Amino acid sequence: MVKKQPFCPGHCSRRHGEQGFTLIELLVVLIIIGILAGYVGPKIMGHPEEAKRTMAAVQITSLETAIESYKLDNGAYPTTEQGLQALVEAPTTGRLAKKWRIGGYLAKGKVPKDPWGNDFVYLCPGTHNDFDLISYGGDGQQGGEGDDVDVNNWAAE
């Protein structure tokens, strides 16, 4: 004769050999995960300024490429007065761009801001290269240390 199991909604009895986690084991695992998150989280999240500096350097490289394309088409770099705006609109002052590319030299048709929301500084002729591109970093002012260090196109070379 086979014994019938009593009706039990869900699985209220364990079969032989099945094991589950106890509440204590789950709490221990959650505490370990919490400790790891508390230790690792700030280390990972502590690099936003470094990421912004890297992004600024990438943007500067992209702007350099656009400025070089401008020079190839027009025979000279945009002047400081014309600025980076010459990459999205044909200059109307200074040396005019005779072969300015329709649509400009920047993909989105506007000059990007640096990762801190400030304008890039463009100088032509530059003091370090034919032209200088600078992001003044987090403080938006020339110079700075730590998170406020400037990003430029001559130090990366």
C-alpha atoms as a PDB file:
ATOM      1  CA  MET A   1       0.000   0.000   0.000  1.00  0.00           C
ATOM      2  CA  VAL A   2       1.323   3.434  -0.992  1.00  0.00           C
ATOM      3  CA  LYS A   3       1.161   6.219   1.517  1.00  0.00           C
ATOM      4  CA  LYS A   4      -0.446   9.361   0.221  1.00  0.00           C
ATOM      5  CA  GLN A   5       1.183  12.642   1.023  1.00  0.00           C
ATOM      6  CA  PRO A   6      -1.163  15.088   2.739  1.00  0.00           C
ATOM      7  CA  PHE A   7      -2.265  18.013   0.573  1.00  0.00           C
ATOM      8  CA  CYS A   8       0.106  20.911   0.973  1.00  0.00           C
ATOM      9  CA  PRO A   9      -0.156  24.050  -1.195  1.00  0.00           C
ATOM     10  CA  GLY A  10       3.223  24.921  -2.712  1.00  0.00           C
ATOM     11  CA  HIS A  11       6.082  22.830  -1.459  1.00  0.00           C
ATOM     12  CA  CYS A  12       5.824  22.867   2.282  1.00  0.00           C
ATOM     13  CA  SER A  13       7.805  19.735   2.837  1.00  0.00           C
ATOM     14  CA  ARG A  14      11.296  19.004   1.587  1.00  0.00           C
ATOM     15  CA  ARG A  15      12.137  15.832  -0.155  1.00  0.00           C
ATOM     16  CA  HIS A  16      15.050  13.789   1.041  1.00  0.00           C
ATOM     17  CA  GLY A  17      18.343  15.237  -0.263  1.00  0.00           C
ATOM     18  CA  GLU A  18      16.951  18.693  -1.162  1.00  0.00           C
ATOM     19  CA  GLN A  19      18.508  21.599   0.607  1.00  0.00           C
ATOM     20  CA  GLY A  20      17.653  25.274   0.672  1.00  0.00           C
ATOM     21  CA  PHE A  21      19.107  28.375   2.205  1.00  0.00           C
ATOM     22  CA  THR A  22      18.214  29.392   5.683  1.00  0.00           C
ATOM     23  CA  LEU A  23      17.425  32.943   6.603  1.00  0.00           C
ATOM     24  CA  ILE A  24      20.754  33.217   8.439  1.00  0.00           C
ATOM     25  CA  GLU A  25      22.704  32.107   5.348  1.00  0.00           C
ATOM     26  CA  LEU A  26      20.890  34.661   3.191  1.00  0.00           C
ATOM     27  CA  LEU A  27      21.589  37.421   5.703  1.00  0.00           C
ATOM     28  CA  VAL A  28      25.296  36.520   5.806  1.00  0.00           C
ATOM     29  CA  VAL A  29      25.493  36.691   1.986  1.00  0.00           C
ATOM     30  CA  LEU A  30      23.672  40.043   1.948  1.00  0.00           C
ATOM     31  CA  ILE A  31      26.041  41.427   4.595  1.00  0.00           C
ATOM     32  CA  ILE A  32      29.074  40.298   2.581  1.00  0.00           C
ATOM     33  CA  ILE A  33      27.654  41.887  -0.588  1.00  0.00           C
ATOM     34  CA  GLY A  34      26.955  45.083   1.367  1.00  0.00           C
ATOM     35  CA  ILE A  35      30.511  45.217   2.692  1.00  0.00           C
ATOM     36  CA  LEU A  36      31.942  44.667  -0.800  1.00  0.00           C
ATOM     37  CA  ALA A  37      29.655  47.318  -2.289  1.00  0.00           C
ATOM     38  CA  GLY A  38      30.672  49.748   0.442  1.00  0.00           C
ATOM     39  CA  TYR A  39      34.339  49.175  -0.310  1.00  0.00           C
ATOM     40  CA  VAL A  40      34.301  48.865  -4.110  1.00  0.00           C
ATOM     41  CA  GLY A  41      31.511  51.351  -4.889  1.00  0.00           C
ATOM     42  CA  PRO A  42      33.363  54.509  -3.856  1.00  0.00           C
ATOM     43  CA  LYS A  43      36.482  53.344  -5.695  1.00  0.00           C
ATOM     44  CA  ILE A  44      34.534  52.890  -8.935  1.00  0.00           C
ATOM     45  CA  MET A  45      32.383  55.970  -8.479  1.00  0.00           C
ATOM     46  CA  GLY A  46      35.387  58.083  -7.462  1.00  0.00           C
ATOM     47  CA  HIS A  47      36.577  58.531 -11.056  1.00  0.00           C
ATOM     48  CA  PRO A  48      34.051  60.858 -12.703  1.00  0.00           C
ATOM     49  CA  GLU A  49      36.578  63.696 -12.998  1.00  0.00           C
ATOM     50  CA  GLU A  50      39.107  61.388 -14.617  1.00  0.00           C
ATOM     51  CA  ALA A  51      36.423  60.297 -17.083  1.00  0.00           C
ATOM     52  CA  LYS A  52      35.624  63.948 -17.841  1.00  0.00           C
ATOM     53  CA  ARG A  53      39.308  64.709 -18.493  1.00  0.00           C
ATOM     54  CA  THR A  54      39.504  61.719 -20.840  1.00  0.00           C
ATOM     55  CA  MET A  55      36.359  62.901 -22.639  1.00  0.00           C
ATOM     56  CA  ALA A  56      37.815  66.412 -22.967  1.00  0.00           C
ATOM     57  CA  ALA A  57      40.990  64.956 -24.515  1.00  0.00           C
ATOM     58  CA  VAL A  58      38.887  62.958 -26.992  1.00  0.00           C
ATOM     59  CA  GLN A  59      36.872  66.055 -27.890  1.00  0.00           C
ATOM     60  CA  ILE A  60      40.075  68.052 -28.396  1.00  0.00           C
ATOM     61  CA  THR A  61      41.401  65.356 -30.743  1.00  0.00           C
ATOM     62  CA  SER A  62      38.146  65.484 -32.694  1.00  0.00           C
ATOM     63  CA  LEU A  63      38.313  69.282 -32.905  1.00  0.00           C
ATOM     64  CA  GLU A  64      41.940  69.063 -34.072  1.00  0.00           C
ATOM     65  CA  THR A  65      40.858  66.778 -36.918  1.00  0.00           C
ATOM     66  CA  ALA A  66      38.115  69.216 -37.930  1.00  0.00           C
ATOM     67  CA  ILE A  67      40.547  72.160 -37.803  1.00  0.00           C
ATOM     68  CA  GLU A  68      43.076  70.269 -39.956  1.00  0.00           C
ATOM     69  CA  SER A  69      40.303  69.500 -42.486  1.00  0.00           C
ATOM     70  CA  TYR A  70      39.416  73.199 -42.510  1.00  0.00           C
ATOM     71  CA  LYS A  71      43.041  74.053 -43.251  1.00  0.00           C
ATOM     72  CA  LEU A  72      43.240  71.480 -46.068  1.00  0.00           C
ATOM     73  CA  ASP A  73      40.186  73.000 -47.725  1.00  0.00           C
ATOM     74  CA  ASN A  74      40.998  76.669 -47.133  1.00  0.00           C
ATOM     75  CA  GLY A  75      44.786  76.901 -46.893  1.00  0.00           C
ATOM     76  CA  ALA A  76      44.895  78.314 -43.352  1.00  0.00           C
ATOM     77  CA  TYR A  77      43.571  77.652 -39.888  1.00  0.00           C
ATOM     78  CA  PRO A  78      40.674  79.716 -38.563  1.00  0.00           C
ATOM     79  CA  THR A  79      41.948  82.749 -36.670  1.00  0.00           C
ATOM     80  CA  THR A  80      41.442  83.229 -32.939  1.00  0.00           C
ATOM     81  CA  GLU A  81      38.825  85.858 -33.792  1.00  0.00           C
ATOM     82  CA  GLN A  82      36.924  83.436 -36.040  1.00  0.00           C
ATOM     83  CA  GLY A  83      37.253  80.755 -33.393  1.00  0.00           C
ATOM     84  CA  LEU A  84      35.815  77.267 -33.489  1.00  0.00           C
ATOM     85  CA  GLN A  85      32.588  78.713 -34.861  1.00  0.00           C
ATOM     86  CA  ALA A  86      34.377  78.738 -38.256  1.00  0.00           C
ATOM     87  CA  LEU A  87      33.969  74.958 -38.220  1.00  0.00           C
ATOM     88  CA  VAL A  88      30.169  75.199 -38.318  1.00  0.00           C
ATOM     89  CA  GLU A  89      29.577  78.530 -40.125  1.00  0.00           C
ATOM     90  CA  ALA A  90      31.602  80.068 -42.935  1.00  0.00           C
ATOM     91  CA  PRO A  91      33.643  82.946 -41.472  1.00  0.00           C
ATOM     92  CA  THR A  92      32.505  86.471 -42.332  1.00  0.00           C
ATOM     93  CA  THR A  93      35.492  88.283 -40.806  1.00  0.00           C
ATOM     94  CA  GLY A  94      39.238  88.017 -41.242  1.00  0.00           C
ATOM     95  CA  ARG A  95      40.578  85.680 -43.893  1.00  0.00           C
ATOM     96  CA  LEU A  96      37.501  84.271 -45.612  1.00  0.00           C
ATOM     97  CA  ALA A  97      37.248  80.554 -46.332  1.00  0.00           C
ATOM     98  CA  LYS A  98      36.971  80.261 -50.121  1.00  0.00           C
ATOM     99  CA  LYS A  99      36.393  76.504 -50.153  1.00  0.00           C
ATOM    100  CA  TRP A 100      34.430  76.176 -46.914  1.00  0.00           C
ATOM    101  CA  ARG A 101      32.771  72.753 -46.818  1.00  0.00           C
ATOM    102  CA  ILE A 102      28.976  72.858 -47.103  1.00  0.00           C
ATOM    103  CA  GLY A 103      27.627  71.462 -43.853  1.00  0.00           C
ATOM    104  CA  GLY A 104      30.745  72.474 -41.949  1.00  0.00           C
ATOM    105  CA  TYR A 105      33.445  70.401 -40.333  1.00  0.00           C
ATOM    106  CA  LEU A 106      31.660  69.120 -37.227  1.00  0.00           C
ATOM    107  CA  ALA A 107      29.174  66.256 -37.438  1.00  0.00           C
ATOM    108  CA  LYS A 108      26.365  67.751 -35.369  1.00  0.00           C
ATOM    109  CA  GLY A 109      26.651  71.232 -36.833  1.00  0.00           C
ATOM    110  CA  LYS A 110      27.553  72.881 -33.536  1.00  0.00           C
ATOM    111  CA  VAL A 111      30.699  73.435 -31.518  1.00  0.00           C
ATOM    112  CA  PRO A 112      30.647  71.105 -28.495  1.00  0.00           C
ATOM    113  CA  LYS A 113      31.105  72.280 -24.933  1.00  0.00           C
ATOM    114  CA  ASP A 114      33.718  70.591 -22.772  1.00  0.00           C
ATOM    115  CA  PRO A 115      32.504  67.941 -20.295  1.00  0.00           C
ATOM    116  CA  TRP A 116      32.095  70.633 -17.607  1.00  0.00           C
ATOM    117  CA  GLY A 117      29.795  72.695 -19.844  1.00  0.00           C
ATOM    118  CA  ASN A 118      32.356  75.366 -20.741  1.00  0.00           C
ATOM    119  CA  ASP A 119      33.574  76.533 -24.155  1.00  0.00           C
ATOM    120  CA  PHE A 120      36.895  75.252 -25.430  1.00  0.00           C
ATOM    121  CA  VAL A 121      39.553  77.951 -25.784  1.00  0.00           C
ATOM    122  CA  TYR A 122      41.026  78.205 -29.290  1.00  0.00           C
ATOM    123  CA  LEU A 123      44.124  80.269 -30.066  1.00  0.00           C
ATOM    124  CA  CYS A 124      45.653  80.621 -33.506  1.00  0.00           C
ATOM    125  CA  PRO A 125      48.504  81.108 -33.767  1.00  0.00           C
ATOM    126  CA  GLY A 126      49.062  79.146 -30.599  1.00  0.00           C
ATOM    127  CA  THR A 127      51.885  79.466 -28.124  1.00  0.00           C
ATOM    128  CA  HIS A 128      52.651  75.726 -28.221  1.00  0.00           C
ATOM    129  CA  ASN A 129      51.497  74.612 -31.699  1.00  0.00           C
ATOM    130  CA  ASP A 130      50.118  76.135 -34.868  1.00  0.00           C
ATOM    131  CA  PHE A 131      46.911  76.372 -32.836  1.00  0.00           C
ATOM    132  CA  ASP A 132      46.134  75.663 -29.199  1.00  0.00           C
ATOM    133  CA  LEU A 133      42.962  74.038 -27.875  1.00  0.00           C
ATOM    134  CA  ILE A 134      42.283  74.166 -24.151  1.00  0.00           C
ATOM    135  CA  SER A 135      39.610  73.064 -21.712  1.00  0.00           C
ATOM    136  CA  TYR A 136      40.047  74.805 -18.378  1.00  0.00           C
ATOM    137  CA  GLY A 137      38.700  71.794 -16.481  1.00  0.00           C
ATOM    138  CA  GLY A 138      36.216  71.691 -13.652  1.00  0.00           C
ATOM    139  CA  ASP A 139      36.844  75.210 -12.337  1.00  0.00           C
ATOM    140  CA  GLY A 140      36.592  76.840 -15.799  1.00  0.00           C
ATOM    141  CA  GLN A 141      39.709  78.915 -15.096  1.00  0.00           C
ATOM    142  CA  GLN A 142      43.218  78.756 -16.478  1.00  0.00           C
ATOM    143  CA  GLY A 143      45.576  76.573 -14.470  1.00  0.00           C
ATOM    144  CA  GLY A 144      44.413  74.391 -11.656  1.00  0.00           C
ATOM    145  CA  GLU A 145      45.382  71.205  -9.914  1.00  0.00           C
ATOM    146  CA  GLY A 146      43.739  67.872  -9.188  1.00  0.00           C
ATOM    147  CA  ASP A 147      40.192  67.786 -10.564  1.00  0.00           C
ATOM    148  CA  ASP A 148      40.568  71.325 -11.949  1.00  0.00           C
ATOM    149  CA  VAL A 149      43.643  70.661 -14.119  1.00  0.00           C
ATOM    150  CA  ASP A 150      43.502  72.003 -17.687  1.00  0.00           C
ATOM    151  CA  VAL A 151      43.282  69.659 -20.685  1.00  0.00           C
ATOM    152  CA  ASN A 152      45.000  70.817 -23.879  1.00  0.00           C
ATOM    153  CA  ASN A 153      46.275  69.639 -27.259  1.00  0.00           C
ATOM    154  CA  TRP A 154      50.002  69.987 -26.632  1.00  0.00           C
ATOM    155  CA  ALA A 155      50.499  68.038 -23.400  1.00  0.00           C
ATOM    156  CA  ALA A 156      49.007  64.852 -24.887  1.00  0.00           C
ATOM    157  CA  GLU A 157      51.605  64.707 -27.641  1.00  0.00           C
END
